[in-house]
């Protein structure tokens, strides 16, 4: 569909998914206390979010975008 409408696959998903399945400003990110892996494979921007989450219990999507300096960060691959 993305090729047909000449848009990104994330835009197709945004239009097709019901709102309950979309990442919204009500969604929050929190650290998983039972995670036992390493952070070596994370990107620099992911490490920046992780650093903030160590001092704050949760982050909204809007706060996360602000930290990264981006207007809209989360889209579907």
N, C-alpha and C. Protein backbone atom coordinates (compact mmCIF):
# COMPACT_ATOMS: atom_id res chain seq x y z
N UNK A 1 0.82 -1.20 0.00
CA UNK A 1 0.00 0.00 0.00
C UNK A 1 0.86 1.26 0.00
N UNK A 2 1.99 1.19 0.74
CA UNK A 2 2.85 2.36 0.81
C UNK A 2 3.38 2.74 -0.57
N UNK A 3 3.74 1.74 -1.37
CA UNK A 3 4.21 2.03 -2.72
C UNK A 3 3.10 2.63 -3.57
N UNK A 4 1.91 2.09 -3.45
CA UNK A 4 0.78 2.57 -4.24
C UNK A 4 0.47 4.03 -3.92
N UNK A 5 0.46 4.37 -2.64
CA UNK A 5 0.13 5.73 -2.24
C UNK A 5 1.36 6.63 -2.10
N UNK A 6 2.53 6.09 -2.42
CA UNK A 6 3.80 6.81 -2.37
C UNK A 6 3.99 7.48 -1.01
N UNK A 7 3.96 6.66 0.03
CA UNK A 7 4.17 7.16 1.39
C UNK A 7 4.98 6.12 2.16
N UNK A 8 5.30 6.44 3.39
CA UNK A 8 6.05 5.52 4.22
C UNK A 8 5.13 4.45 4.80
N UNK A 9 5.67 3.24 5.04
CA UNK A 9 4.84 2.19 5.65
C UNK A 9 4.24 2.63 6.99
N UNK A 10 4.95 3.44 7.75
CA UNK A 10 4.44 3.93 9.02
C UNK A 10 3.19 4.77 8.86
N UNK A 11 3.12 5.52 7.77
CA UNK A 11 1.93 6.33 7.50
C UNK A 11 0.73 5.46 7.17
N UNK A 12 0.98 4.34 6.49
CA UNK A 12 -0.10 3.39 6.20
C UNK A 12 -0.61 2.78 7.50
N UNK A 13 0.32 2.40 8.39
CA UNK A 13 -0.06 1.82 9.66
C UNK A 13 -0.83 2.83 10.52
N UNK A 14 -0.40 4.06 10.49
CA UNK A 14 -1.07 5.12 11.25
C UNK A 14 -2.52 5.28 10.80
N UNK A 15 -2.75 5.19 9.52
CA UNK A 15 -4.10 5.33 8.99
C UNK A 15 -4.94 4.08 9.20
N UNK A 16 -4.29 2.91 9.20
CA UNK A 16 -5.04 1.65 9.24
C UNK A 16 -5.35 1.16 10.65
N UNK A 17 -4.49 1.46 11.60
CA UNK A 17 -4.68 0.92 12.95
C UNK A 17 -5.72 1.70 13.75
N UNK A 18 -6.52 0.99 14.53
CA UNK A 18 -7.43 1.67 15.45
C UNK A 18 -6.62 2.43 16.50
N UNK A 19 -7.17 3.48 17.05
CA UNK A 19 -6.43 4.35 17.96
C UNK A 19 -5.91 3.62 19.20
N UNK A 20 -6.57 2.56 19.62
CA UNK A 20 -6.14 1.83 20.81
C UNK A 20 -4.76 1.18 20.61
N UNK A 21 -4.37 0.92 19.36
CA UNK A 21 -3.09 0.29 19.06
C UNK A 21 -1.99 1.30 18.72
N UNK A 22 -2.30 2.57 18.67
CA UNK A 22 -1.32 3.57 18.29
C UNK A 22 -0.59 4.11 19.51
N UNK A 23 0.69 4.42 19.31
CA UNK A 23 1.45 5.08 20.36
C UNK A 23 0.93 6.51 20.44
N UNK A 24 0.55 6.92 21.62
CA UNK A 24 -0.01 8.26 21.77
C UNK A 24 0.64 8.97 22.95
N UNK A 25 0.18 10.17 23.20
CA UNK A 25 0.73 10.93 24.31
C UNK A 25 0.38 10.31 25.65
N UNK A 26 -0.56 9.39 25.68
CA UNK A 26 -0.91 8.70 26.92
C UNK A 26 0.05 7.54 27.20
N UNK A 27 0.78 7.11 26.21
CA UNK A 27 1.74 6.02 26.41
C UNK A 27 2.93 6.54 27.20
N UNK A 28 3.49 5.67 28.02
CA UNK A 28 4.68 6.05 28.80
C UNK A 28 5.75 4.97 28.63
N UNK A 29 6.97 5.37 28.81
CA UNK A 29 8.11 4.46 28.78
C UNK A 29 8.64 4.33 30.19
N UNK A 30 8.91 3.09 30.60
CA UNK A 30 9.46 2.82 31.92
C UNK A 30 10.56 1.79 31.79
N UNK A 31 11.49 1.81 32.74
CA UNK A 31 12.54 0.79 32.77
C UNK A 31 11.95 -0.54 33.23
N UNK A 32 12.43 -1.60 32.63
CA UNK A 32 12.04 -2.94 33.04
C UNK A 32 13.04 -3.40 34.10
N UNK A 33 12.59 -3.47 35.33
CA UNK A 33 13.51 -3.80 36.43
C UNK A 33 14.06 -5.22 36.36
N UNK A 34 13.42 -6.10 35.60
CA UNK A 34 13.90 -7.48 35.51
C UNK A 34 14.83 -7.71 34.31
N UNK A 35 15.14 -6.65 33.55
CA UNK A 35 16.03 -6.78 32.40
C UNK A 35 17.44 -7.13 32.87
N UNK A 36 18.01 -8.19 32.30
CA UNK A 36 19.34 -8.64 32.71
C UNK A 36 20.39 -8.53 31.61
N UNK A 37 20.03 -7.97 30.48
CA UNK A 37 20.96 -7.86 29.36
C UNK A 37 21.88 -6.67 29.48
N UNK A 38 22.64 -6.42 28.42
CA UNK A 38 23.54 -5.28 28.38
C UNK A 38 22.94 -4.20 27.49
N UNK A 39 23.51 -3.02 27.57
CA UNK A 39 23.03 -1.90 26.77
C UNK A 39 23.99 -1.57 25.63
N UNK A 40 24.92 -2.44 25.35
CA UNK A 40 25.96 -2.18 24.35
C UNK A 40 25.40 -1.99 22.94
N UNK A 41 24.30 -2.66 22.62
CA UNK A 41 23.76 -2.59 21.27
C UNK A 41 22.82 -1.40 21.03
N UNK A 42 22.60 -0.58 22.06
CA UNK A 42 21.69 0.55 21.93
C UNK A 42 22.32 1.70 21.17
N UNK A 43 21.49 2.44 20.47
CA UNK A 43 21.92 3.63 19.74
C UNK A 43 22.13 4.77 20.74
N UNK A 44 22.91 5.81 20.37
CA UNK A 44 23.15 6.94 21.27
C UNK A 44 21.86 7.61 21.77
N UNK A 45 20.87 7.75 20.88
CA UNK A 45 19.61 8.38 21.32
C UNK A 45 18.85 7.49 22.31
N UNK A 46 18.97 6.17 22.17
CA UNK A 46 18.35 5.26 23.12
C UNK A 46 19.04 5.37 24.49
N UNK A 47 20.35 5.52 24.48
CA UNK A 47 21.09 5.67 25.73
C UNK A 47 20.73 6.98 26.44
N UNK A 48 20.44 8.01 25.65
CA UNK A 48 20.03 9.28 26.21
C UNK A 48 18.70 9.13 26.97
N UNK A 49 17.76 8.41 26.38
CA UNK A 49 16.47 8.15 27.03
C UNK A 49 16.68 7.28 28.27
N UNK A 50 17.51 6.29 28.14
CA UNK A 50 17.80 5.39 29.26
C UNK A 50 18.39 6.16 30.44
N UNK A 51 19.28 7.09 30.15
CA UNK A 51 19.90 7.90 31.18
C UNK A 51 18.85 8.71 31.95
N UNK A 52 17.90 9.30 31.24
CA UNK A 52 16.84 10.08 31.89
C UNK A 52 15.93 9.16 32.71
N UNK A 53 15.65 7.97 32.18
CA UNK A 53 14.78 7.03 32.89
C UNK A 53 15.40 6.52 34.20
N UNK A 54 16.69 6.61 34.33
CA UNK A 54 17.33 6.21 35.59
C UNK A 54 17.04 7.22 36.70
N UNK A 55 16.70 8.46 36.33
CA UNK A 55 16.41 9.47 37.34
C UNK A 55 14.93 9.83 37.42
N UNK A 56 14.14 9.31 36.50
CA UNK A 56 12.71 9.61 36.46
C UNK A 56 11.95 8.29 36.24
N UNK A 57 10.84 8.05 36.95
CA UNK A 57 10.17 6.75 36.86
C UNK A 57 9.56 6.42 35.49
N UNK A 58 9.12 7.45 34.76
CA UNK A 58 8.53 7.19 33.45
C UNK A 58 8.62 8.45 32.59
N UNK A 59 8.50 8.24 31.28
CA UNK A 59 8.52 9.34 30.31
C UNK A 59 7.36 9.18 29.35
N UNK A 60 6.67 10.26 29.06
CA UNK A 60 5.62 10.22 28.04
C UNK A 60 6.27 10.29 26.66
N UNK A 61 5.49 10.01 25.64
CA UNK A 61 6.00 10.10 24.27
C UNK A 61 6.44 11.53 23.99
N UNK A 62 5.66 12.49 24.44
CA UNK A 62 5.99 13.90 24.21
C UNK A 62 7.31 14.27 24.88
N UNK A 63 7.51 13.84 26.12
CA UNK A 63 8.77 14.11 26.82
C UNK A 63 9.94 13.46 26.11
N UNK A 64 9.73 12.25 25.63
CA UNK A 64 10.79 11.53 24.93
C UNK A 64 11.19 12.26 23.65
N UNK A 65 10.20 12.73 22.92
CA UNK A 65 10.49 13.49 21.70
C UNK A 65 11.24 14.77 22.03
N UNK A 66 10.87 15.42 23.14
CA UNK A 66 11.56 16.64 23.56
C UNK A 66 13.02 16.38 23.90
N UNK A 67 13.28 15.29 24.56
CA UNK A 67 14.66 14.94 24.92
C UNK A 67 15.49 14.70 23.66
N UNK A 68 14.88 14.07 22.68
CA UNK A 68 15.59 13.77 21.44
C UNK A 68 15.60 14.95 20.47
N UNK A 69 14.82 15.99 20.78
CA UNK A 69 14.76 17.16 19.91
C UNK A 69 14.05 16.89 18.60
N UNK A 70 13.08 16.02 18.63
CA UNK A 70 12.33 15.66 17.42
C UNK A 70 10.85 15.91 17.63
N UNK A 71 10.18 16.27 16.55
CA UNK A 71 8.75 16.55 16.63
C UNK A 71 7.95 15.26 16.75
N UNK A 72 8.24 14.29 15.90
CA UNK A 72 7.53 13.03 15.92
C UNK A 72 8.56 11.92 15.75
N UNK A 73 8.74 11.15 16.76
CA UNK A 73 9.81 10.15 16.76
C UNK A 73 9.31 8.76 16.40
N UNK A 74 8.19 8.38 16.93
CA UNK A 74 7.78 6.99 16.87
C UNK A 74 6.87 6.72 15.69
N UNK A 75 7.34 5.87 14.80
CA UNK A 75 6.54 5.44 13.66
C UNK A 75 6.78 3.96 13.47
N UNK A 76 5.98 3.35 12.69
CA UNK A 76 6.09 1.92 12.47
C UNK A 76 7.07 1.65 11.35
N UNK A 77 7.93 0.62 11.51
CA UNK A 77 8.95 0.34 10.49
C UNK A 77 8.36 -0.07 9.15
